[in-house]
Amino acid sequence: MGNQHMGPNAQGTSYHVAGHQDNGRQGDALEVYFECITTCSLDDGACVTRCVEELREQP
């Protein structure tokens, strides 16, 4: 029951945003960020932090 909110990337694997940024639009970076955080458990701060860090690394 506690894992029902966990997506495939919530087990410690990194969600990669590379490849989704080919056109360089900031809106795409935000879309990928939101896709990333929806894979995180509601109480998994480390997962959300990884998503934020990957968003910050985008040009």
PDB file of N, CA and C in Angstrom:
ATOM      1  N   MET A   1       0.821  -1.201   0.000  1.00  0.00           N
ATOM      2  CA  MET A   1       0.000   0.000   0.000  1.00  0.00           C
ATOM      3  C   MET A   1       0.865   1.265   0.000  1.00  0.00           C
ATOM      4  N   GLY A   2       1.961   1.256   0.729  1.00  0.00           N
ATOM      5  CA  GLY A   2       2.820   2.423   0.784  1.00  0.00           C
ATOM      6  C   GLY A   2       3.552   2.704  -0.513  1.00  0.00           C
ATOM      7  N   ASN A   3       3.648   1.724  -1.386  1.00  0.00           N
ATOM      8  CA  ASN A   3       4.364   1.895  -2.640  1.00  0.00           C
ATOM      9  C   ASN A   3       3.462   2.249  -3.804  1.00  0.00           C
ATOM     10  N   GLN A   4       2.187   2.453  -3.576  1.00  0.00           N
ATOM     11  CA  GLN A   4       1.273   2.688  -4.688  1.00  0.00           C
ATOM     12  C   GLN A   4       1.566   3.972  -5.437  1.00  0.00           C
ATOM     13  N   HIS A   5       2.236   4.926  -4.810  1.00  0.00           N
ATOM     14  CA  HIS A   5       2.545   6.193  -5.471  1.00  0.00           C
ATOM     15  C   HIS A   5       3.922   6.180  -6.120  1.00  0.00           C
ATOM     16  N   MET A   6       4.615   5.072  -6.012  1.00  0.00           N
ATOM     17  CA  MET A   6       5.978   5.014  -6.523  1.00  0.00           C
ATOM     18  C   MET A   6       5.981   4.569  -7.973  1.00  0.00           C
ATOM     19  N   GLY A   7       6.678   5.324  -8.800  1.00  0.00           N
ATOM     20  CA  GLY A   7       6.818   4.968 -10.202  1.00  0.00           C
ATOM     21  C   GLY A   7       8.055   4.121 -10.403  1.00  0.00           C
ATOM     22  N   PRO A   8       8.359   3.798 -11.645  1.00  0.00           N
ATOM     23  CA  PRO A   8       9.494   2.929 -11.939  1.00  0.00           C
ATOM     24  C   PRO A   8      10.843   3.526 -11.561  1.00  0.00           C
ATOM     25  N   ASN A   9      10.929   4.822 -11.413  1.00  0.00           N
ATOM     26  CA  ASN A   9      12.200   5.467 -11.100  1.00  0.00           C
ATOM     27  C   ASN A   9      12.360   5.776  -9.621  1.00  0.00           C
ATOM     28  N   ALA A  10      11.392   5.407  -8.809  1.00  0.00           N
ATOM     29  CA  ALA A  10      11.412   5.771  -7.399  1.00  0.00           C
ATOM     30  C   ALA A  10      12.314   4.869  -6.563  1.00  0.00           C
ATOM     31  N   GLN A  11      12.872   3.846  -7.127  1.00  0.00           N
ATOM     32  CA  GLN A  11      13.707   2.918  -6.377  1.00  0.00           C
ATOM     33  C   GLN A  11      15.177   3.308  -6.405  1.00  0.00           C
ATOM     34  N   GLY A  12      15.483   4.557  -6.642  1.00  0.00           N
ATOM     35  CA  GLY A  12      16.854   5.026  -6.585  1.00  0.00           C
ATOM     36  C   GLY A  12      17.520   5.175  -7.940  1.00  0.00           C
ATOM     37  N   THR A  13      16.828   4.822  -9.001  1.00  0.00           N
ATOM     38  CA  THR A  13      17.422   5.022 -10.315  1.00  0.00           C
ATOM     39  C   THR A  13      17.201   6.459 -10.731  1.00  0.00           C
ATOM     40  N   SER A  14      18.087   6.964 -11.516  1.00  0.00           N
ATOM     41  CA  SER A  14      18.017   8.354 -11.943  1.00  0.00           C
ATOM     42  C   SER A  14      17.086   8.508 -13.137  1.00  0.00           C
ATOM     43  N   TYR A  15      16.314   9.547 -13.145  1.00  0.00           N
ATOM     44  CA  TYR A  15      15.444   9.868 -14.268  1.00  0.00           C
ATOM     45  C   TYR A  15      16.243  10.771 -15.189  1.00  0.00           C
ATOM     46  N   HIS A  16      16.479  10.335 -16.395  1.00  0.00           N
ATOM     47  CA  HIS A  16      17.325  11.088 -17.316  1.00  0.00           C
ATOM     48  C   HIS A  16      16.494  12.020 -18.184  1.00  0.00           C
ATOM     49  N   VAL A  17      16.896  13.289 -18.237  1.00  0.00           N
ATOM     50  CA  VAL A  17      16.194  14.252 -19.065  1.00  0.00           C
ATOM     51  C   VAL A  17      16.884  14.456 -20.401  1.00  0.00           C
ATOM     52  N   ALA A  18      18.066  13.924 -20.574  1.00  0.00           N
ATOM     53  CA  ALA A  18      18.770  14.061 -21.850  1.00  0.00           C
ATOM     54  C   ALA A  18      17.957  13.401 -22.948  1.00  0.00           C
ATOM     55  N   GLY A  19      17.973  14.015 -24.112  1.00  0.00           N
ATOM     56  CA  GLY A  19      17.206  13.472 -25.226  1.00  0.00           C
ATOM     57  C   GLY A  19      15.838  14.112 -25.331  1.00  0.00           C
ATOM     58  N   HIS A  20      15.355  14.655 -24.244  1.00  0.00           N
ATOM     59  CA  HIS A  20      14.075  15.347 -24.269  1.00  0.00           C
ATOM     60  C   HIS A  20      14.271  16.838 -24.525  1.00  0.00           C
ATOM     61  N   GLN A  21      15.508  17.272 -24.613  1.00  0.00           N
ATOM     62  CA  GLN A  21      15.829  18.690 -24.716  1.00  0.00           C
ATOM     63  C   GLN A  21      16.377  19.083 -26.076  1.00  0.00           C
ATOM     64  N   ASP A  22      16.174  18.280 -27.094  1.00  0.00           N
ATOM     65  CA  ASP A  22      16.787  18.537 -28.389  1.00  0.00           C
ATOM     66  C   ASP A  22      16.442  19.905 -28.963  1.00  0.00           C
ATOM     67  N   ASN A  23      15.250  20.413 -28.722  1.00  0.00           N
ATOM     68  CA  ASN A  23      14.871  21.699 -29.288  1.00  0.00           C
ATOM     69  C   ASN A  23      15.229  22.865 -28.371  1.00  0.00           C
ATOM     70  N   GLY A  24      15.724  22.613 -27.157  1.00  0.00           N
ATOM     71  CA  GLY A  24      16.240  23.641 -26.280  1.00  0.00           C
ATOM     72  C   GLY A  24      15.203  24.557 -25.655  1.00  0.00           C
ATOM     73  N   ARG A  25      13.946  24.226 -25.698  1.00  0.00           N
ATOM     74  CA  ARG A  25      12.925  25.097 -25.108  1.00  0.00           C
ATOM     75  C   ARG A  25      12.817  24.846 -23.615  1.00  0.00           C
ATOM     76  N   GLN A  26      12.694  25.935 -22.843  1.00  0.00           N
ATOM     77  CA  GLN A  26      12.583  25.823 -21.392  1.00  0.00           C
ATOM     78  C   GLN A  26      11.316  25.085 -20.997  1.00  0.00           C
ATOM     79  N   GLY A  27      10.245  25.248 -21.747  1.00  0.00           N
ATOM     80  CA  GLY A  27       9.000  24.555 -21.445  1.00  0.00           C
ATOM     81  C   GLY A  27       9.176  23.054 -21.462  1.00  0.00           C
ATOM     82  N   ASP A  28      10.011  22.560 -22.350  1.00  0.00           N
ATOM     83  CA  ASP A  28      10.274  21.126 -22.400  1.00  0.00           C
ATOM     84  C   ASP A  28      11.001  20.667 -21.143  1.00  0.00           C
ATOM     85  N   ALA A  29      11.932  21.468 -20.648  1.00  0.00           N
ATOM     86  CA  ALA A  29      12.653  21.116 -19.428  1.00  0.00           C
ATOM     87  C   ALA A  29      11.681  21.012 -18.262  1.00  0.00           C
ATOM     88  N   LEU A  30      10.738  21.928 -18.187  1.00  0.00           N
ATOM     89  CA  LEU A  30       9.750  21.880 -17.113  1.00  0.00           C
ATOM     90  C   LEU A  30       8.833  20.678 -17.261  1.00  0.00           C
ATOM     91  N   GLU A  31       8.455  20.359 -18.482  1.00  0.00           N
ATOM     92  CA  GLU A  31       7.604  19.190 -18.712  1.00  0.00           C
ATOM     93  C   GLU A  31       8.308  17.917 -18.256  1.00  0.00           C
ATOM     94  N   VAL A  32       9.570  17.788 -18.596  1.00  0.00           N
ATOM     95  CA  VAL A  32      10.340  16.613 -18.192  1.00  0.00           C
ATOM     96  C   VAL A  32      10.500  16.584 -16.676  1.00  0.00           C
ATOM     97  N   TYR A  33      10.698  17.753 -16.058  1.00  0.00           N
ATOM     98  CA  TYR A  33      10.795  17.837 -14.600  1.00  0.00           C
ATOM     99  C   TYR A  33       9.515  17.322 -13.951  1.00  0.00           C
ATOM    100  N   PHE A  34       8.376  17.774 -14.438  1.00  0.00           N
ATOM    101  CA  PHE A  34       7.114  17.323 -13.856  1.00  0.00           C
ATOM    102  C   PHE A  34       6.883  15.839 -14.098  1.00  0.00           C
ATOM    103  N   GLU A  35       7.299  15.331 -15.241  1.00  0.00           N
ATOM    104  CA  GLU A  35       7.217  13.890 -15.485  1.00  0.00           C
ATOM    105  C   GLU A  35       8.088  13.146 -14.477  1.00  0.00           C
ATOM    106  N   CYS A  36       9.262  13.701 -14.196  1.00  0.00           N
ATOM    107  CA  CYS A  36      10.187  13.084 -13.251  1.00  0.00           C
ATOM    108  C   CYS A  36       9.582  13.042 -11.851  1.00  0.00           C
ATOM    109  N   ILE A  37       9.063  14.166 -11.373  1.00  0.00           N
ATOM    110  CA  ILE A  37       8.560  14.176  -9.995  1.00  0.00           C
ATOM    111  C   ILE A  37       7.302  13.334  -9.832  1.00  0.00           C
ATOM    112  N   THR A  38       6.566  13.111 -10.907  1.00  0.00           N
ATOM    113  CA  THR A  38       5.384  12.247 -10.774  1.00  0.00           C
ATOM    114  C   THR A  38       5.780  10.791 -10.579  1.00  0.00           C
ATOM    115  N   THR A  39       7.037  10.434 -10.862  1.00  0.00           N
ATOM    116  CA  THR A  39       7.497   9.071 -10.608  1.00  0.00           C
ATOM    117  C   THR A  39       7.952   8.897  -9.169  1.00  0.00           C
ATOM    118  N   CYS A  40       8.065  10.002  -8.421  1.00  0.00           N
ATOM    119  CA  CYS A  40       8.553   9.952  -7.045  1.00  0.00           C
ATOM    120  C   CYS A  40       7.416   9.652  -6.074  1.00  0.00           C
ATOM    121  N   SER A  41       7.753   8.941  -5.020  1.00  0.00           N
ATOM    122  CA  SER A  41       6.821   8.740  -3.925  1.00  0.00           C
ATOM    123  C   SER A  41       6.596  10.091  -3.246  1.00  0.00           C
ATOM    124  N   LEU A  42       5.432  10.282  -2.678  1.00  0.00           N
ATOM    125  CA  LEU A  42       5.127  11.557  -2.028  1.00  0.00           C
ATOM    126  C   LEU A  42       6.082  11.878  -0.884  1.00  0.00           C
ATOM    127  N   ASP A  43       6.624  10.854  -0.243  1.00  0.00           N
ATOM    128  CA  ASP A  43       7.523  11.086   0.887  1.00  0.00           C
ATOM    129  C   ASP A  43       8.988  10.825   0.548  1.00  0.00           C
ATOM    130  N   ASP A  44       9.324  10.766  -0.739  1.00  0.00           N
ATOM    131  CA  ASP A  44      10.698  10.500  -1.174  1.00  0.00           C
ATOM    132  C   ASP A  44      11.372  11.801  -1.589  1.00  0.00           C
ATOM    133  N   GLY A  45      11.901  12.502  -0.616  1.00  0.00           N
ATOM    134  CA  GLY A  45      12.555  13.776  -0.883  1.00  0.00           C
ATOM    135  C   GLY A  45      13.787  13.650  -1.757  1.00  0.00           C
ATOM    136  N   ALA A  46      14.499  12.533  -1.661  1.00  0.00           N
ATOM    137  CA  ALA A  46      15.704  12.332  -2.471  1.00  0.00           C
ATOM    138  C   ALA A  46      15.350  12.250  -3.950  1.00  0.00           C
ATOM    139  N   CYS A  47      14.250  11.612  -4.277  1.00  0.00           N
ATOM    140  CA  CYS A  47      13.812  11.495  -5.669  1.00  0.00           C
ATOM    141  C   CYS A  47      13.477  12.876  -6.228  1.00  0.00           C
ATOM    142  N   VAL A  48      12.733  13.652  -5.470  1.00  0.00           N
ATOM    143  CA  VAL A  48      12.368  15.001  -5.905  1.00  0.00           C
ATOM    144  C   VAL A  48      13.620  15.857  -6.057  1.00  0.00           C
ATOM    145  N   THR A  49      14.565  15.713  -5.133  1.00  0.00           N
ATOM    146  CA  THR A  49      15.816  16.464  -5.211  1.00  0.00           C
ATOM    147  C   THR A  49      16.572  16.136  -6.488  1.00  0.00           C
ATOM    148  N   ARG A  50      16.619  14.858  -6.873  1.00  0.00           N
ATOM    149  CA  ARG A  50      17.285  14.477  -8.124  1.00  0.00           C
ATOM    150  C   ARG A  50      16.619  15.159  -9.311  1.00  0.00           C
ATOM    151  N   CYS A  51      15.297  15.209  -9.312  1.00  0.00           N
ATOM    152  CA  CYS A  51      14.580  15.859 -10.415  1.00  0.00           C
ATOM    153  C   CYS A  51      14.932  17.342 -10.486  1.00  0.00           C
ATOM    154  N   VAL A  52      14.973  18.005  -9.329  1.00  0.00           N
ATOM    155  CA  VAL A  52      15.313  19.428  -9.278  1.00  0.00           C
ATOM    156  C   VAL A  52      16.738  19.649  -9.764  1.00  0.00           C
ATOM    157  N   GLU A  53      17.669  18.805  -9.326  1.00  0.00           N
ATOM    158  CA  GLU A  53      19.065  18.958  -9.740  1.00  0.00           C
ATOM    159  C   GLU A  53      19.211  18.773 -11.243  1.00  0.00           C
ATOM    160  N   GLU A  54      18.500  17.809 -11.807  1.00  0.00           N
ATOM    161  CA  GLU A  54      18.584  17.591 -13.245  1.00  0.00           C
ATOM    162  C   GLU A  54      17.958  18.757 -14.015  1.00  0.00           C
ATOM    163  N   LEU A  55      16.906  19.358 -13.472  1.00  0.00           N
ATOM    164  CA  LEU A  55      16.309  20.534 -14.103  1.00  0.00           C
ATOM    165  C   LEU A  55      17.298  21.695 -14.094  1.00  0.00           C
ATOM    166  N   ARG A  56      17.974  21.893 -12.977  1.00  0.00           N
ATOM    167  CA  ARG A  56      18.951  22.987 -12.864  1.00  0.00           C
ATOM    168  C   ARG A  56      20.113  22.821 -13.833  1.00  0.00           C
ATOM    169  N   GLU A  57      20.459  21.594 -14.165  1.00  0.00           N
ATOM    170  CA  GLU A  57      21.581  21.335 -15.064  1.00  0.00           C
ATOM    171  C   GLU A  57      21.234  21.600 -16.521  1.00  0.00           C
ATOM    172  N   GLN A  58      19.965  21.771 -16.824  1.00  0.00           N
ATOM    173  CA  GLN A  58      19.554  21.995 -18.210  1.00  0.00           C
ATOM    174  C   GLN A  58      19.915  23.408 -18.639  1.00  0.00           C
ATOM    175  N   PRO A  59      20.331  23.567 -19.909  1.00  0.00           N
ATOM    176  CA  PRO A  59      20.711  24.899 -20.418  1.00  0.00           C
ATOM    177  C   PRO A  59      19.536  25.857 -20.470  1.00  0.00           C
TER     178      PRO A  59
END
